[in-house]
Amino acid sequence: LRVRVDAMEVKKVSPNVYMVDLEPPIEGFERFLASYIVLGEKVLVVEVGPSSSVESIIKALKSLNIGFDRVGYVAVSHIHLDHSGGAGALPEKLPNAKLVVHEVGAPHMVNPQRLLESSLRVLGEKLIKMYGEVKPVPEEKVLVGKDGLTLNLGGVKVEVLETPGHAPHHLSFFNRETGELWVGEAAGVYLEEFGGIVRPSTPPTGFDYVKSLESLDKLLNLKPKVLYYTHFGVSTKIENLEVYKEKLNLWFKIVSEEYGKGKSVEEIFQRILGEEEELKKLLVSEREKTFLLNSVKGMLYYLKKRETRK
């Protein structure tokens, strides 16, 4: 089943899961941001997207005839604004929903000022404006997500997993009965539109190489049957997790070798391109080029931080 509501697409991806293409009003962000609606007696929404996409979730719920009071949980994989920026706009629309967010991220949902400031530094003013206003989430609406927490929807159980690495406040979500795994960005970015390329997503300032690898091992040990990516779409190629691990290792090896030699981010990226030819396909997209360079910056930032700690 595939339904179009205005420009937005709602697609049935399993007997009780629908994927929503959030399509924020940003050029080049089509088929890049997904939210997932999980049906039990209660409903779980995985990923909110930025404020400018909240209306897409509301329209999707309406198109599926889901009453707003049936939504028990809204879960965000992490607090980067393209995943969580719209969370503060939802309590007035979804009165019974608790926001599930990592312990490290929870205070920044209640008071988003510092989150906004750091997002502005990393992403720039233009993109932040396009993401839209970030409203605080009332403290009583926040449920801290951690290992061992299970969201019982009635007939469907979704486990919360702490998977830091992409960011220290990262969570993934797993239905053990069906093998469905919502990876967030712990397994990188899956680009269906470019033939299923998986690319690193290692932004400053929260990326941690060692924790990323540990989280990937944690996900692999679950033996999932299907991967639900926020960026973007559904894949039954579970080997993508191993592929991502290999790419992280390759990128990190190259960036480590070039670190401290006075090379620019662009120069280091050119060396990566020399080793990973398929990435050249992505350079037709301004969005992708920006995020690829940002991932190099994230690794450089991590190396600098590690050096300072010694």
C-alpha atoms as a PDB file:
ATOM      1  CA  LEU A   1       0.000   0.000   0.000  1.00  0.00           C
ATOM      2  CA  ARG A   2       1.302   3.408  -0.993  1.00  0.00           C
ATOM      3  CA  VAL A   3      -0.749   6.547  -0.342  1.00  0.00           C
ATOM      4  CA  ARG A   4       0.038  10.087  -1.444  1.00  0.00           C
ATOM      5  CA  VAL A   5      -1.329  12.922   0.689  1.00  0.00           C
ATOM      6  CA  ASP A   6      -0.542  16.191  -1.092  1.00  0.00           C
ATOM      7  CA  ALA A   7       3.189  15.730  -1.880  1.00  0.00           C
ATOM      8  CA  MET A   8       3.779  13.371   1.042  1.00  0.00           C
ATOM      9  CA  GLU A   9       4.031   9.609   0.678  1.00  0.00           C
ATOM     10  CA  VAL A  10       2.856   7.001   3.185  1.00  0.00           C
ATOM     11  CA  LYS A  11       3.979   3.446   2.434  1.00  0.00           C
ATOM     12  CA  LYS A  12       3.067   0.198   4.199  1.00  0.00           C
ATOM     13  CA  VAL A  13       6.373  -1.608   4.838  1.00  0.00           C
ATOM     14  CA  SER A  14       5.186  -4.465   7.090  1.00  0.00           C
ATOM     15  CA  PRO A  15       1.830  -5.685   8.462  1.00  0.00           C
ATOM     16  CA  ASN A  16       1.838  -3.017  11.189  1.00  0.00           C
ATOM     17  CA  VAL A  17       4.471  -0.457  10.116  1.00  0.00           C
ATOM     18  CA  TYR A  18       4.072   2.504   7.771  1.00  0.00           C
ATOM     19  CA  MET A  19       6.907   4.676   6.489  1.00  0.00           C
ATOM     20  CA  VAL A  20       6.254   8.377   5.969  1.00  0.00           C
ATOM     21  CA  ASP A  21       8.440  10.432   3.641  1.00  0.00           C
ATOM     22  CA  LEU A  22       8.604  13.636   5.693  1.00  0.00           C
ATOM     23  CA  GLU A  23       9.681  15.754   2.705  1.00  0.00           C
ATOM     24  CA  PRO A  24      10.673  18.922   4.573  1.00  0.00           C
ATOM     25  CA  PRO A  25      10.328  22.071   2.445  1.00  0.00           C
ATOM     26  CA  ILE A  26      14.065  22.116   1.697  1.00  0.00           C
ATOM     27  CA  GLU A  27      15.461  21.763  -1.803  1.00  0.00           C
ATOM     28  CA  GLY A  28      17.223  18.421  -2.271  1.00  0.00           C
ATOM     29  CA  PHE A  29      15.699  16.823   0.846  1.00  0.00           C
ATOM     30  CA  GLU A  30      13.142  14.694  -1.006  1.00  0.00           C
ATOM     31  CA  ARG A  31      13.349  10.981  -0.076  1.00  0.00           C
ATOM     32  CA  PHE A  32      15.842  11.758   2.656  1.00  0.00           C
ATOM     33  CA  LEU A  33      13.880  11.871   5.927  1.00  0.00           C
ATOM     34  CA  ALA A  34      11.617   9.039   7.045  1.00  0.00           C
ATOM     35  CA  SER A  35       9.336   8.619  10.024  1.00  0.00           C
ATOM     36  CA  TYR A  36       7.767   5.268  10.934  1.00  0.00           C
ATOM     37  CA  ILE A  37       4.288   4.691  12.364  1.00  0.00           C
ATOM     38  CA  VAL A  38       4.102   1.425  14.337  1.00  0.00           C
ATOM     39  CA  LEU A  39       0.647   0.049  15.114  1.00  0.00           C
ATOM     40  CA  GLY A  40      -0.395  -1.887  18.205  1.00  0.00           C
ATOM     41  CA  GLU A  41      -3.347  -1.072  20.451  1.00  0.00           C
ATOM     42  CA  LYS A  42      -1.278   2.052  21.055  1.00  0.00           C
ATOM     43  CA  VAL A  43       0.750   3.714  18.313  1.00  0.00           C
ATOM     44  CA  LEU A  44       4.460   4.527  18.267  1.00  0.00           C
ATOM     45  CA  VAL A  45       5.939   7.159  15.950  1.00  0.00           C
ATOM     46  CA  VAL A  46       9.684   6.651  15.383  1.00  0.00           C
ATOM     47  CA  GLU A  47      11.415   9.907  14.350  1.00  0.00           C
ATOM     48  CA  VAL A  48       9.737  13.305  14.268  1.00  0.00           C
ATOM     49  CA  GLY A  49      11.895  15.220  11.818  1.00  0.00           C
ATOM     50  CA  PRO A  50      12.262  19.000  11.969  1.00  0.00           C
ATOM     51  CA  SER A  51       9.390  21.333  12.859  1.00  0.00           C
ATOM     52  CA  SER A  52       8.805  22.001   9.175  1.00  0.00           C
ATOM     53  CA  SER A  53       7.842  18.302   8.752  1.00  0.00           C
ATOM     54  CA  VAL A  54       5.495  17.824  11.716  1.00  0.00           C
ATOM     55  CA  GLU A  55       2.438  18.426   9.553  1.00  0.00           C
ATOM     56  CA  SER A  56       3.467  15.438   7.412  1.00  0.00           C
ATOM     57  CA  ILE A  57       3.158  13.151  10.457  1.00  0.00           C
ATOM     58  CA  ILE A  58      -0.231  14.622  11.353  1.00  0.00           C
ATOM     59  CA  LYS A  59      -1.505  14.150   7.784  1.00  0.00           C
ATOM     60  CA  ALA A  60      -0.164  10.584   7.719  1.00  0.00           C
ATOM     61  CA  LEU A  61      -1.994   9.695  10.948  1.00  0.00           C
ATOM     62  CA  LYS A  62      -5.197  11.174   9.522  1.00  0.00           C
ATOM     63  CA  SER A  63      -4.793   9.294   6.225  1.00  0.00           C
ATOM     64  CA  LEU A  64      -4.467   6.017   8.190  1.00  0.00           C
ATOM     65  CA  ASN A  65      -7.511   6.891  10.351  1.00  0.00           C
ATOM     66  CA  ILE A  66      -5.422   6.821  13.525  1.00  0.00           C
ATOM     67  CA  GLY A  67      -6.900   8.903  16.337  1.00  0.00           C
ATOM     68  CA  PHE A  68      -4.356  11.316  17.812  1.00  0.00           C
ATOM     69  CA  ASP A  69      -5.143  10.101  21.343  1.00  0.00           C
ATOM     70  CA  ARG A  70      -4.043   6.571  20.321  1.00  0.00           C
ATOM     71  CA  VAL A  71      -0.414   7.654  19.913  1.00  0.00           C
ATOM     72  CA  GLY A  72       1.315   6.566  23.133  1.00  0.00           C
ATOM     73  CA  TYR A  73       4.935   7.224  22.208  1.00  0.00           C
ATOM     74  CA  VAL A  74       7.010   9.392  19.921  1.00  0.00           C
ATOM     75  CA  ALA A  75      10.617   8.158  19.850  1.00  0.00           C
ATOM     76  CA  VAL A  76      13.617  10.010  18.441  1.00  0.00           C
ATOM     77  CA  SER A  77      16.878   8.238  17.647  1.00  0.00           C
ATOM     78  CA  HIS A  78      18.831  11.329  18.695  1.00  0.00           C
ATOM     79  CA  ILE A  79      18.388  15.048  19.165  1.00  0.00           C
ATOM     80  CA  HIS A  80      19.898  16.408  15.938  1.00  0.00           C
ATOM     81  CA  LEU A  81      17.241  18.743  14.581  1.00  0.00           C
ATOM     82  CA  ASP A  82      16.454  16.723  11.447  1.00  0.00           C
ATOM     83  CA  HIS A  83      15.307  13.937  13.809  1.00  0.00           C
ATOM     84  CA  SER A  84      13.882  15.768  16.830  1.00  0.00           C
ATOM     85  CA  GLY A  85      13.316  19.438  15.965  1.00  0.00           C
ATOM     86  CA  GLY A  86       9.543  19.024  15.716  1.00  0.00           C
ATOM     87  CA  ALA A  87       9.135  17.195  19.048  1.00  0.00           C
ATOM     88  CA  GLY A  88       7.996  20.301  20.932  1.00  0.00           C
ATOM     89  CA  ALA A  89       5.171  20.906  18.458  1.00  0.00           C
ATOM     90  CA  LEU A  90       3.603  17.475  19.043  1.00  0.00           C
ATOM     91  CA  PRO A  91       2.243  17.493  22.653  1.00  0.00           C
ATOM     92  CA  GLU A  92      -0.617  19.845  21.749  1.00  0.00           C
ATOM     93  CA  LYS A  93      -1.547  17.583  18.820  1.00  0.00           C
ATOM     94  CA  LEU A  94      -0.874  14.155  20.403  1.00  0.00           C
ATOM     95  CA  PRO A  95      -2.142  14.533  23.995  1.00  0.00           C
ATOM     96  CA  ASN A  96      -1.182  11.047  25.282  1.00  0.00           C
ATOM     97  CA  ALA A  97       2.234  10.728  23.654  1.00  0.00           C
ATOM     98  CA  LYS A  98       5.444  10.517  25.676  1.00  0.00           C
ATOM     99  CA  LEU A  99       8.678  11.561  23.971  1.00  0.00           C
ATOM    100  CA  VAL A 100      11.272   8.760  24.192  1.00  0.00           C
ATOM    101  CA  VAL A 101      14.762  10.275  24.072  1.00  0.00           C
ATOM    102  CA  HIS A 102      18.242   9.331  25.328  1.00  0.00           C
ATOM    103  CA  GLU A 103      19.185  10.486  28.835  1.00  0.00           C
ATOM    104  CA  VAL A 104      21.942  12.746  27.434  1.00  0.00           C
ATOM    105  CA  GLY A 105      19.496  14.371  25.014  1.00  0.00           C
ATOM    106  CA  ALA A 106      16.481  14.734  27.315  1.00  0.00           C
ATOM    107  CA  PRO A 107      17.507  18.055  28.983  1.00  0.00           C
ATOM    108  CA  HIS A 108      18.029  19.607  25.527  1.00  0.00           C
ATOM    109  CA  MET A 109      14.472  18.727  24.531  1.00  0.00           C
ATOM    110  CA  VAL A 110      13.135  20.467  27.645  1.00  0.00           C
ATOM    111  CA  ASN A 111      15.407  23.488  27.113  1.00  0.00           C
ATOM    112  CA  PRO A 112      16.609  23.525  23.477  1.00  0.00           C
ATOM    113  CA  GLN A 113      18.712  26.716  23.627  1.00  0.00           C
ATOM    114  CA  ARG A 114      22.151  25.020  23.668  1.00  0.00           C
ATOM    115  CA  LEU A 115      21.018  22.508  21.053  1.00  0.00           C
ATOM    116  CA  LEU A 116      20.029  25.365  18.766  1.00  0.00           C
ATOM    117  CA  GLU A 117      23.349  27.143  19.270  1.00  0.00           C
ATOM    118  CA  SER A 118      25.433  24.045  18.464  1.00  0.00           C
ATOM    119  CA  SER A 119      23.197  23.194  15.476  1.00  0.00           C
ATOM    120  CA  LEU A 120      23.721  26.691  14.129  1.00  0.00           C
ATOM    121  CA  ARG A 121      27.507  26.243  14.300  1.00  0.00           C
ATOM    122  CA  VAL A 122      27.461  22.865  12.537  1.00  0.00           C
ATOM    123  CA  LEU A 123      24.667  23.354   9.984  1.00  0.00           C
ATOM    124  CA  GLY A 124      24.561  27.096   9.338  1.00  0.00           C
ATOM    125  CA  GLU A 125      21.758  29.646   9.611  1.00  0.00           C
ATOM    126  CA  LYS A 126      20.090  28.885   6.263  1.00  0.00           C
ATOM    127  CA  LEU A 127      19.372  25.217   7.011  1.00  0.00           C
ATOM    128  CA  ILE A 128      18.335  25.900  10.614  1.00  0.00           C
ATOM    129  CA  LYS A 129      15.743  28.415   9.375  1.00  0.00           C
ATOM    130  CA  MET A 130      14.391  25.837   6.932  1.00  0.00           C
ATOM    131  CA  TYR A 131      14.103  23.245   9.707  1.00  0.00           C
ATOM    132  CA  GLY A 132      11.749  25.620  11.515  1.00  0.00           C
ATOM    133  CA  GLU A 133      11.117  26.725  15.096  1.00  0.00           C
ATOM    134  CA  VAL A 134      12.256  24.427  17.911  1.00  0.00           C
ATOM    135  CA  LYS A 135       9.798  24.459  20.819  1.00  0.00           C
ATOM    136  CA  PRO A 136      10.594  23.035  24.270  1.00  0.00           C
ATOM    137  CA  VAL A 137       8.993  19.735  25.287  1.00  0.00           C
ATOM    138  CA  PRO A 138       7.213  19.796  28.684  1.00  0.00           C
ATOM    139  CA  GLU A 139       9.316  17.816  31.173  1.00  0.00           C
ATOM    140  CA  GLU A 140       6.399  15.587  32.191  1.00  0.00           C
ATOM    141  CA  LYS A 141       6.098  14.442  28.563  1.00  0.00           C
ATOM    142  CA  VAL A 142       9.677  13.085  28.439  1.00  0.00           C
ATOM    143  CA  LEU A 143      10.448   9.389  28.927  1.00  0.00           C
ATOM    144  CA  VAL A 144      14.176   8.631  29.165  1.00  0.00           C
ATOM    145  CA  GLY A 145      15.130   5.882  26.725  1.00  0.00           C
ATOM    146  CA  LYS A 146      17.801   3.415  27.843  1.00  0.00           C
ATOM    147  CA  ASP A 147      18.825  -0.229  27.502  1.00  0.00           C
ATOM    148  CA  GLY A 148      16.183  -2.452  29.069  1.00  0.00           C
ATOM    149  CA  LEU A 149      13.211  -0.170  28.377  1.00  0.00           C
ATOM    150  CA  THR A 150      10.437  -1.821  26.340  1.00  0.00           C
ATOM    151  CA  LEU A 151       7.616   0.160  24.753  1.00  0.00           C
ATOM    152  CA  ASN A 152       4.539  -2.048  25.074  1.00  0.00           C
ATOM    153  CA  LEU A 153       2.033  -0.995  22.439  1.00  0.00           C
ATOM    154  CA  GLY A 154      -0.399  -3.827  23.191  1.00  0.00           C
ATOM    155  CA  GLY A 155       0.316  -6.773  20.908  1.00  0.00           C
ATOM    156  CA  VAL A 156       3.610  -5.221  19.797  1.00  0.00           C
ATOM    157  CA  LYS A 157       6.742  -4.674  21.884  1.00  0.00           C
ATOM    158  CA  VAL A 158       9.592  -2.408  20.809  1.00  0.00           C
ATOM    159  CA  GLU A 159      12.865  -2.481  22.753  1.00  0.00           C
ATOM    160  CA  VAL A 160      15.015   0.609  23.254  1.00  0.00           C
ATOM    161  CA  LEU A 161      18.768   0.250  22.657  1.00  0.00           C
ATOM    162  CA  GLU A 162      21.504   2.725  23.517  1.00  0.00           C
ATOM    163  CA  THR A 163      23.693   3.005  20.406  1.00  0.00           C
ATOM    164  CA  PRO A 164      26.074   5.962  20.848  1.00  0.00           C
ATOM    165  CA  GLY A 165      28.687   6.807  18.232  1.00  0.00           C
ATOM    166  CA  HIS A 166      27.000   8.957  15.612  1.00  0.00           C
ATOM    167  CA  ALA A 167      26.111  11.049  18.654  1.00  0.00           C
ATOM    168  CA  PRO A 168      26.401  10.363  22.414  1.00  0.00           C
ATOM    169  CA  HIS A 169      22.607  10.604  22.702  1.00  0.00           C
ATOM    170  CA  HIS A 170      21.741   7.963  20.086  1.00  0.00           C
ATOM    171  CA  LEU A 171      19.077   5.261  20.444  1.00  0.00           C
ATOM    172  CA  SER A 172      17.916   2.475  18.145  1.00  0.00           C
ATOM    173  CA  PHE A 173      14.694   0.475  18.431  1.00  0.00           C
ATOM    174  CA  PHE A 174      14.060  -3.249  17.921  1.00  0.00           C
ATOM    175  CA  ASN A 175      11.044  -5.537  17.604  1.00  0.00           C
ATOM    176  CA  ARG A 176      12.570  -8.853  18.684  1.00  0.00           C
ATOM    177  CA  GLU A 177       9.566 -10.878  17.515  1.00  0.00           C
ATOM    178  CA  THR A 178       9.704  -9.646  13.897  1.00  0.00           C
ATOM    179  CA  GLY A 179      13.399  -8.708  13.622  1.00  0.00           C
ATOM    180  CA  GLU A 180      12.547  -5.121  12.636  1.00  0.00           C
ATOM    181  CA  LEU A 181      15.339  -2.702  13.574  1.00  0.00           C
ATOM    182  CA  TRP A 182      15.068   1.087  13.465  1.00  0.00           C
ATOM    183  CA  VAL A 183      18.707   2.081  13.161  1.00  0.00           C
ATOM    184  CA  GLY A 184      18.445   5.898  13.261  1.00  0.00           C
ATOM    185  CA  GLU A 185      21.907   6.937  12.068  1.00  0.00           C
ATOM    186  CA  ALA A 186      23.877   4.299  13.981  1.00  0.00           C
ATOM    187  CA  ALA A 187      24.322   2.437  10.682  1.00  0.00           C
ATOM    188  CA  GLY A 188      24.995   5.494   8.540  1.00  0.00           C
ATOM    189  CA  VAL A 189      22.902   6.761   5.645  1.00  0.00           C
ATOM    190  CA  TYR A 190      21.270   4.412   3.132  1.00  0.00           C
ATOM    191  CA  LEU A 191      20.758   6.057  -0.252  1.00  0.00           C
ATOM    192  CA  GLU A 192      18.136   4.060  -2.117  1.00  0.00           C
ATOM    193  CA  GLU A 193      18.035   6.709  -4.866  1.00  0.00           C
ATOM    194  CA  PHE A 194      21.737   6.058  -5.597  1.00  0.00           C
ATOM    195  CA  GLY A 195      21.420   2.289  -5.872  1.00  0.00           C
ATOM    196  CA  GLY A 196      21.535   1.495  -2.155  1.00  0.00           C
ATOM    197  CA  ILE A 197      24.886   3.111  -1.329  1.00  0.00           C
ATOM    198  CA  VAL A 198      25.612   3.223   2.404  1.00  0.00           C
ATOM    199  CA  ARG A 199      27.749   6.173   3.468  1.00  0.00           C
ATOM    200  CA  PRO A 200      29.304   7.345   6.728  1.00  0.00           C
ATOM    201  CA  SER A 201      27.499   9.862   8.864  1.00  0.00           C
ATOM    202  CA  THR A 202      30.078  11.089  11.378  1.00  0.00           C
ATOM    203  CA  PRO A 203      29.324  14.747  12.080  1.00  0.00           C
ATOM    204  CA  PRO A 204      31.039  17.084  14.514  1.00  0.00           C
ATOM    205  CA  THR A 205      30.937  17.416  17.438  1.00  0.00           C
ATOM    206  CA  GLY A 206      29.535  14.226  18.939  1.00  0.00           C
ATOM    207  CA  PHE A 207      30.951  11.486  16.700  1.00  0.00           C
ATOM    208  CA  ASP A 208      32.917   8.762  18.512  1.00  0.00           C
ATOM    209  CA  TYR A 209      34.683   6.146  16.376  1.00  0.00           C
ATOM    210  CA  VAL A 210      35.124   3.469  19.063  1.00  0.00           C
ATOM    211  CA  LYS A 211      31.533   3.760  20.300  1.00  0.00           C
ATOM    212  CA  SER A 212      30.242   3.640  16.713  1.00  0.00           C
ATOM    213  CA  LEU A 213      31.929   0.275  16.185  1.00  0.00           C
ATOM    214  CA  GLU A 214      30.646  -1.041  19.531  1.00  0.00           C
ATOM    215  CA  SER A 215      27.101   0.019  18.623  1.00  0.00           C
ATOM    216  CA  LEU A 216      27.351  -1.654  15.210  1.00  0.00           C
ATOM    217  CA  ASP A 217      28.434  -4.900  16.897  1.00  0.00           C
ATOM    218  CA  LYS A 218      25.475  -4.577  19.252  1.00  0.00           C
ATOM    219  CA  LEU A 219      23.100  -4.231  16.276  1.00  0.00           C
ATOM    220  CA  LEU A 220      24.726  -7.124  14.402  1.00  0.00           C
ATOM    221  CA  ASN A 221      24.343  -9.380  17.454  1.00  0.00           C
ATOM    222  CA  LEU A 222      20.572  -8.847  17.331  1.00  0.00           C
ATOM    223  CA  LYS A 223      20.483 -10.655  13.950  1.00  0.00           C
ATOM    224  CA  PRO A 224      17.796  -8.314  12.570  1.00  0.00           C
ATOM    225  CA  LYS A 225      15.722  -9.231   9.518  1.00  0.00           C
ATOM    226  CA  VAL A 226      14.965  -5.742   8.227  1.00  0.00           C
ATOM    227  CA  LEU A 227      16.604  -2.335   8.664  1.00  0.00           C
ATOM    228  CA  TYR A 228      14.500   0.826   8.862  1.00  0.00           C
ATOM    229  CA  TYR A 229      16.667   3.846   8.073  1.00  0.00           C
ATOM    230  CA  THR A 230      15.715   7.420   8.897  1.00  0.00           C
ATOM    231  CA  HIS A 231      17.906   8.422   5.943  1.00  0.00           C
ATOM    232  CA  PHE A 232      16.260   6.759   4.028  1.00  0.00           C
ATOM    233  CA  GLY A 233      14.012   3.769   3.584  1.00  0.00           C
ATOM    234  CA  VAL A 234      13.857   0.041   4.173  1.00  0.00           C
ATOM    235  CA  SER A 235      16.463  -2.621   3.443  1.00  0.00           C
ATOM    236  CA  THR A 236      16.574  -6.369   4.022  1.00  0.00           C
ATOM    237  CA  LYS A 237      20.301  -6.326   3.209  1.00  0.00           C
ATOM    238  CA  ILE A 238      21.490  -6.927   6.752  1.00  0.00           C
ATOM    239  CA  GLU A 239      25.047  -7.069   5.396  1.00  0.00           C
ATOM    240  CA  ASN A 240      24.720  -3.262   5.159  1.00  0.00           C
ATOM    241  CA  LEU A 241      25.750  -3.220   8.831  1.00  0.00           C
ATOM    242  CA  GLU A 242      29.044  -4.949   8.005  1.00  0.00           C
ATOM    243  CA  VAL A 243      29.501  -2.746   4.921  1.00  0.00           C
ATOM    244  CA  TYR A 244      29.079   0.333   7.091  1.00  0.00           C
ATOM    245  CA  LYS A 245      31.634  -0.967   9.567  1.00  0.00           C
ATOM    246  CA  GLU A 246      34.158  -1.487   6.739  1.00  0.00           C
ATOM    247  CA  LYS A 247      33.538   2.026   5.406  1.00  0.00           C
ATOM    248  CA  LEU A 248      33.924   3.590   8.839  1.00  0.00           C
ATOM    249  CA  ASN A 249      37.238   1.776   9.245  1.00  0.00           C
ATOM    250  CA  LEU A 250      38.467   2.859   5.800  1.00  0.00           C
ATOM    251  CA  TRP A 251      37.496   6.509   6.295  1.00  0.00           C
ATOM    252  CA  PHE A 252      38.981   6.596   9.777  1.00  0.00           C
ATOM    253  CA  LYS A 253      42.251   5.054   8.574  1.00  0.00           C
ATOM    254  CA  ILE A 254      42.583   7.696   5.822  1.00  0.00           C
ATOM    255  CA  VAL A 255      41.580  10.650   8.017  1.00  0.00           C
ATOM    256  CA  SER A 256      43.962   9.453  10.778  1.00  0.00           C
ATOM    257  CA  GLU A 257      46.842   9.216   8.293  1.00  0.00           C
ATOM    258  CA  GLU A 258      46.175  12.744   6.998  1.00  0.00           C
ATOM    259  CA  TYR A 259      45.475  14.295  10.408  1.00  0.00           C
ATOM    260  CA  GLY A 260      48.031  16.895  11.453  1.00  0.00           C
ATOM    261  CA  LYS A 261      49.542  17.303   7.972  1.00  0.00           C
ATOM    262  CA  GLY A 262      47.841  20.627   7.276  1.00  0.00           C
ATOM    263  CA  LYS A 263      45.517  19.132   4.645  1.00  0.00           C
ATOM    264  CA  SER A 264      42.137  20.731   3.993  1.00  0.00           C
ATOM    265  CA  VAL A 265      38.889  18.809   4.492  1.00  0.00           C
ATOM    266  CA  GLU A 266      38.435  18.795   0.697  1.00  0.00           C
ATOM    267  CA  GLU A 267      41.929  17.341   0.146  1.00  0.00           C
ATOM    268  CA  ILE A 268      41.308  14.547   2.646  1.00  0.00           C
ATOM    269  CA  PHE A 269      37.944  13.847   1.037  1.00  0.00           C
ATOM    270  CA  GLN A 270      39.600  13.576  -2.392  1.00  0.00           C
ATOM    271  CA  ARG A 271      41.819  10.816  -1.007  1.00  0.00           C
ATOM    272  CA  ILE A 272      38.736   8.999   0.305  1.00  0.00           C
ATOM    273  CA  LEU A 273      37.145   9.321  -3.156  1.00  0.00           C
ATOM    274  CA  GLY A 274      40.234   7.697  -4.635  1.00  0.00           C
ATOM    275  CA  GLU A 275      39.632   4.654  -2.432  1.00  0.00           C
ATOM    276  CA  GLU A 276      35.845   4.617  -2.654  1.00  0.00           C
ATOM    277  CA  GLU A 277      34.853   5.227  -6.283  1.00  0.00           C
ATOM    278  CA  GLU A 278      31.099   4.719  -5.793  1.00  0.00           C
ATOM    279  CA  LEU A 279      30.912   7.887  -3.696  1.00  0.00           C
ATOM    280  CA  LYS A 280      31.507   9.908  -6.875  1.00  0.00           C
ATOM    281  CA  LYS A 281      27.876   9.168  -7.824  1.00  0.00           C
ATOM    282  CA  LEU A 282      26.760  11.240  -4.839  1.00  0.00           C
ATOM    283  CA  LEU A 283      28.544  14.426  -5.884  1.00  0.00           C
ATOM    284  CA  VAL A 284      25.669  15.432  -8.187  1.00  0.00           C
ATOM    285  CA  SER A 285      23.779  16.217  -4.958  1.00  0.00           C
ATOM    286  CA  GLU A 286      24.744  19.400  -3.090  1.00  0.00           C
ATOM    287  CA  ARG A 287      23.118  17.933  -0.002  1.00  0.00           C
ATOM    288  CA  GLU A 288      25.294  14.830  -0.180  1.00  0.00           C
ATOM    289  CA  LYS A 289      28.522  16.719  -0.854  1.00  0.00           C
ATOM    290  CA  THR A 290      27.860  18.936   2.180  1.00  0.00           C
ATOM    291  CA  PHE A 291      27.194  15.945   4.451  1.00  0.00           C
ATOM    292  CA  LEU A 292      30.186  13.961   3.140  1.00  0.00           C
ATOM    293  CA  LEU A 293      32.553  16.845   3.918  1.00  0.00           C
ATOM    294  CA  ASN A 294      30.850  17.252   7.297  1.00  0.00           C
ATOM    295  CA  SER A 295      31.612  13.594   8.051  1.00  0.00           C
ATOM    296  CA  VAL A 296      35.317  14.205   7.374  1.00  0.00           C
ATOM    297  CA  LYS A 297      35.127  17.211   9.727  1.00  0.00           C
ATOM    298  CA  GLY A 298      33.520  15.005  12.394  1.00  0.00           C
ATOM    299  CA  MET A 299      36.378  12.507  12.240  1.00  0.00           C
ATOM    300  CA  LEU A 300      38.976  15.290  12.400  1.00  0.00           C
ATOM    301  CA  TYR A 301      37.171  16.789  15.396  1.00  0.00           C
ATOM    302  CA  TYR A 302      37.153  13.376  17.116  1.00  0.00           C
ATOM    303  CA  LEU A 303      40.905  12.927  16.535  1.00  0.00           C
ATOM    304  CA  LYS A 304      41.621  16.399  17.903  1.00  0.00           C
ATOM    305  CA  LYS A 305      39.461  15.757  20.966  1.00  0.00           C
ATOM    306  CA  ARG A 306      41.195  12.400  21.555  1.00  0.00           C
ATOM    307  CA  GLU A 307      44.618  14.052  21.271  1.00  0.00           C
ATOM    308  CA  THR A 308      43.641  16.734  23.792  1.00  0.00           C
ATOM    309  CA  ARG A 309      42.537  14.065  26.282  1.00  0.00           C
ATOM    310  CA  LYS A 310      45.939  12.293  26.230  1.00  0.00           C
END
